[in-house]
Amino acid sequence: MQHLKKKGYAYDGPAEFILKHGRQFQSAELTPEEREILTDVLENECRYKVKQCFYNAQSIGLAGTIGYVEGYADSVGIPMEHAWNTINGKVIDMTWKMNNNDQPVLGVIPEGWEYFGVELDHELIVDMWGAGMSNNFINNWEDGYPLLKEPFE
């Protein structure tokens, strides 16, 4: 059965967007330079809220020196919508510490965990935070899914 896209949208939904434009992130050690970049951002930019991955990752990504990703991640055998950051394509996840000895993911992804997502533009965060909000960009139903309306580049 063929599924037709909703009029005015380039994608059937958030899952199609992520599958089409996302990628699997691989485990890799951070270099000393990357650790220094992260330390500088965390000291100056980051504000945390428990269980608020979109807010946390956006607050880190707001600096512009660290990437911001939305997609699906799996740490317990069930893929979930999630947001995290990247440095040179390496996963930085300050929110998910459970099942990891209360430690954030800093490049090295714990065994059995998976990250699949789309790196989004820094300007999206700047615009959203300028409006005083922090939302999921890809699955932004409140604003009518703006990222799903035009083909993503």
Protein backbone atom coordinates (compact mmCIF):
# COMPACT_ATOMS: atom_id res chain seq x y z
CA MET A 1 0.00 0.00 0.00
CA GLN A 2 1.40 3.37 -1.00
CA HIS A 3 1.36 6.10 1.63
CA LEU A 4 0.74 9.62 0.37
CA LYS A 5 2.39 12.57 2.02
CA LYS A 6 0.17 15.13 3.69
CA LYS A 7 -0.29 18.12 1.40
CA GLY A 8 2.30 20.79 2.12
CA TYR A 9 4.85 18.38 3.63
CA ALA A 10 7.99 16.86 2.12
CA TYR A 11 8.01 13.93 4.58
CA ASP A 12 5.45 11.47 5.95
CA GLY A 13 6.60 12.27 9.45
CA PRO A 14 9.56 12.64 11.80
CA ALA A 15 10.64 8.99 11.42
CA GLU A 16 10.94 9.29 7.62
CA PHE A 17 12.91 12.54 8.00
CA ILE A 18 15.35 10.91 10.46
CA LEU A 19 15.72 7.70 8.42
CA LYS A 20 16.33 9.67 5.23
CA HIS A 21 18.80 12.21 6.60
CA GLY A 22 20.19 10.56 9.72
CA ARG A 23 23.23 8.44 10.29
CA GLN A 24 24.52 5.94 12.81
CA PHE A 25 27.03 7.47 15.21
CA GLN A 26 30.11 5.45 16.09
CA SER A 27 32.04 5.23 19.32
CA ALA A 28 35.35 7.14 19.34
CA GLU A 29 37.63 8.63 21.98
CA LEU A 30 37.70 12.41 22.28
CA THR A 31 41.06 14.02 21.57
CA PRO A 32 42.58 16.33 24.20
CA GLU A 33 41.60 19.30 22.00
CA GLU A 34 37.99 18.10 21.79
CA ARG A 35 37.88 17.64 25.57
CA GLU A 36 39.11 21.21 25.99
CA ILE A 37 36.39 22.54 23.67
CA LEU A 38 33.75 20.61 25.63
CA THR A 39 35.09 21.78 28.99
CA ASP A 40 35.01 25.42 27.85
CA VAL A 41 31.42 25.11 26.64
CA LEU A 42 30.21 23.29 29.74
CA GLU A 43 31.77 25.89 32.02
CA ASN A 44 30.28 28.84 30.13
CA GLU A 45 27.11 27.79 28.34
CA CYS A 46 25.36 24.75 29.67
CA ARG A 47 22.31 24.67 31.87
CA TYR A 48 20.88 21.26 32.78
CA LYS A 49 17.43 19.93 33.51
CA VAL A 50 16.95 16.32 34.58
CA LYS A 51 15.38 14.16 31.85
CA GLN A 52 15.31 17.10 29.40
CA CYS A 53 17.57 15.96 26.57
CA PHE A 54 16.37 18.55 24.04
CA TYR A 55 16.90 21.43 26.46
CA ASN A 56 20.27 20.11 27.64
CA ALA A 57 21.66 19.40 24.17
CA GLN A 58 20.40 22.73 22.83
CA SER A 59 21.97 24.64 25.72
CA ILE A 60 25.32 23.04 24.82
CA GLY A 61 24.77 23.53 21.07
CA LEU A 62 23.89 27.19 21.60
CA ALA A 63 27.62 28.00 21.82
CA GLY A 64 28.03 27.07 18.15
CA THR A 65 31.28 25.14 18.65
CA ILE A 66 29.55 21.82 19.37
CA GLY A 67 26.99 20.16 17.10
CA TYR A 68 23.36 19.40 17.95
CA VAL A 69 21.62 16.16 16.89
CA GLU A 70 18.05 14.87 17.10
CA GLY A 71 17.05 11.33 16.38
CA TYR A 72 16.67 8.03 18.15
CA ALA A 73 18.94 6.53 20.76
CA ASP A 74 18.81 3.26 22.59
CA SER A 75 20.38 2.52 25.95
CA VAL A 76 17.93 -0.07 27.30
CA GLY A 77 16.76 -2.05 24.26
CA ILE A 78 14.01 0.40 23.24
CA PRO A 79 14.86 3.18 20.75
CA MET A 80 13.55 6.55 21.95
CA GLU A 81 13.42 10.08 20.60
CA HIS A 82 16.52 11.78 21.93
CA ALA A 83 18.86 14.74 21.45
CA TRP A 84 22.61 14.87 21.99
CA ASN A 85 25.64 16.81 20.88
CA THR A 86 28.69 16.06 18.75
CA ILE A 87 32.28 17.15 18.41
CA ASN A 88 33.72 16.14 15.04
CA GLY A 89 30.97 13.52 14.74
CA LYS A 90 31.65 12.02 18.19
CA VAL A 91 28.68 11.64 20.56
CA ILE A 92 28.43 13.90 23.60
CA ASP A 93 25.41 12.96 25.72
CA MET A 94 25.23 14.78 29.02
CA THR A 95 21.64 13.67 29.74
CA TRP A 96 21.71 9.87 29.60
CA LYS A 97 23.85 8.79 32.52
CA MET A 98 21.71 5.86 33.67
CA ASN A 99 23.17 2.45 32.95
CA ASN A 100 26.54 4.17 32.56
CA ASN A 101 27.68 4.51 36.19
CA ASP A 102 26.13 8.00 36.32
CA GLN A 103 28.66 9.22 33.73
CA PRO A 104 27.85 11.14 30.53
CA VAL A 105 28.74 9.73 27.13
CA LEU A 106 31.88 11.52 25.98
CA GLY A 107 32.77 10.02 22.61
CA VAL A 108 32.87 6.40 23.73
CA ILE A 109 29.38 4.93 23.43
CA PRO A 110 28.65 2.24 26.04
CA GLU A 111 28.37 -1.28 24.70
CA GLY A 112 24.86 -2.05 23.47
CA TRP A 113 23.87 1.62 23.13
CA GLU A 114 23.02 3.13 19.74
CA TYR A 115 22.67 6.68 18.41
CA PHE A 116 21.02 7.44 15.04
CA GLY A 117 20.12 10.98 14.15
CA VAL A 118 20.36 14.16 12.09
CA GLU A 119 22.75 16.98 12.92
CA LEU A 120 20.79 20.23 12.79
CA ASP A 121 21.91 23.77 12.12
CA HIS A 122 23.04 25.97 15.00
CA GLU A 123 20.73 28.78 13.78
CA LEU A 124 17.65 26.68 14.62
CA ILE A 125 18.71 26.71 18.28
CA VAL A 126 19.50 30.42 18.24
CA ASP A 127 16.09 31.24 16.74
CA MET A 128 14.15 28.95 19.11
CA TRP A 129 15.98 30.13 22.23
CA GLY A 130 15.60 33.74 21.08
CA ALA A 131 11.86 33.11 21.26
CA GLY A 132 12.33 31.79 24.82
CA MET A 133 11.65 28.14 24.00
CA SER A 134 13.38 24.78 23.79
CA ASN A 135 11.53 22.19 21.73
CA ASN A 136 12.15 19.10 19.67
CA PHE A 137 12.76 20.50 16.17
CA ILE A 138 12.03 17.44 14.03
CA ASN A 139 8.90 16.38 15.91
CA ASN A 140 7.67 19.93 16.55
CA TRP A 141 3.93 19.30 16.36
CA GLU A 142 3.17 22.52 18.26
CA ASP A 143 4.38 24.63 15.32
CA GLY A 144 3.05 22.33 12.59
CA TYR A 145 6.30 20.38 11.94
CA PRO A 146 8.19 23.17 10.14
CA LEU A 147 11.26 21.00 9.33
CA LEU A 148 9.05 18.48 7.55
CA LYS A 149 7.57 20.99 5.10
CA GLU A 150 10.61 21.52 2.88
CA PRO A 151 13.26 19.07 1.67
CA PHE A 152 16.16 19.08 4.13
CA GLU A 153 19.65 19.95 3.00
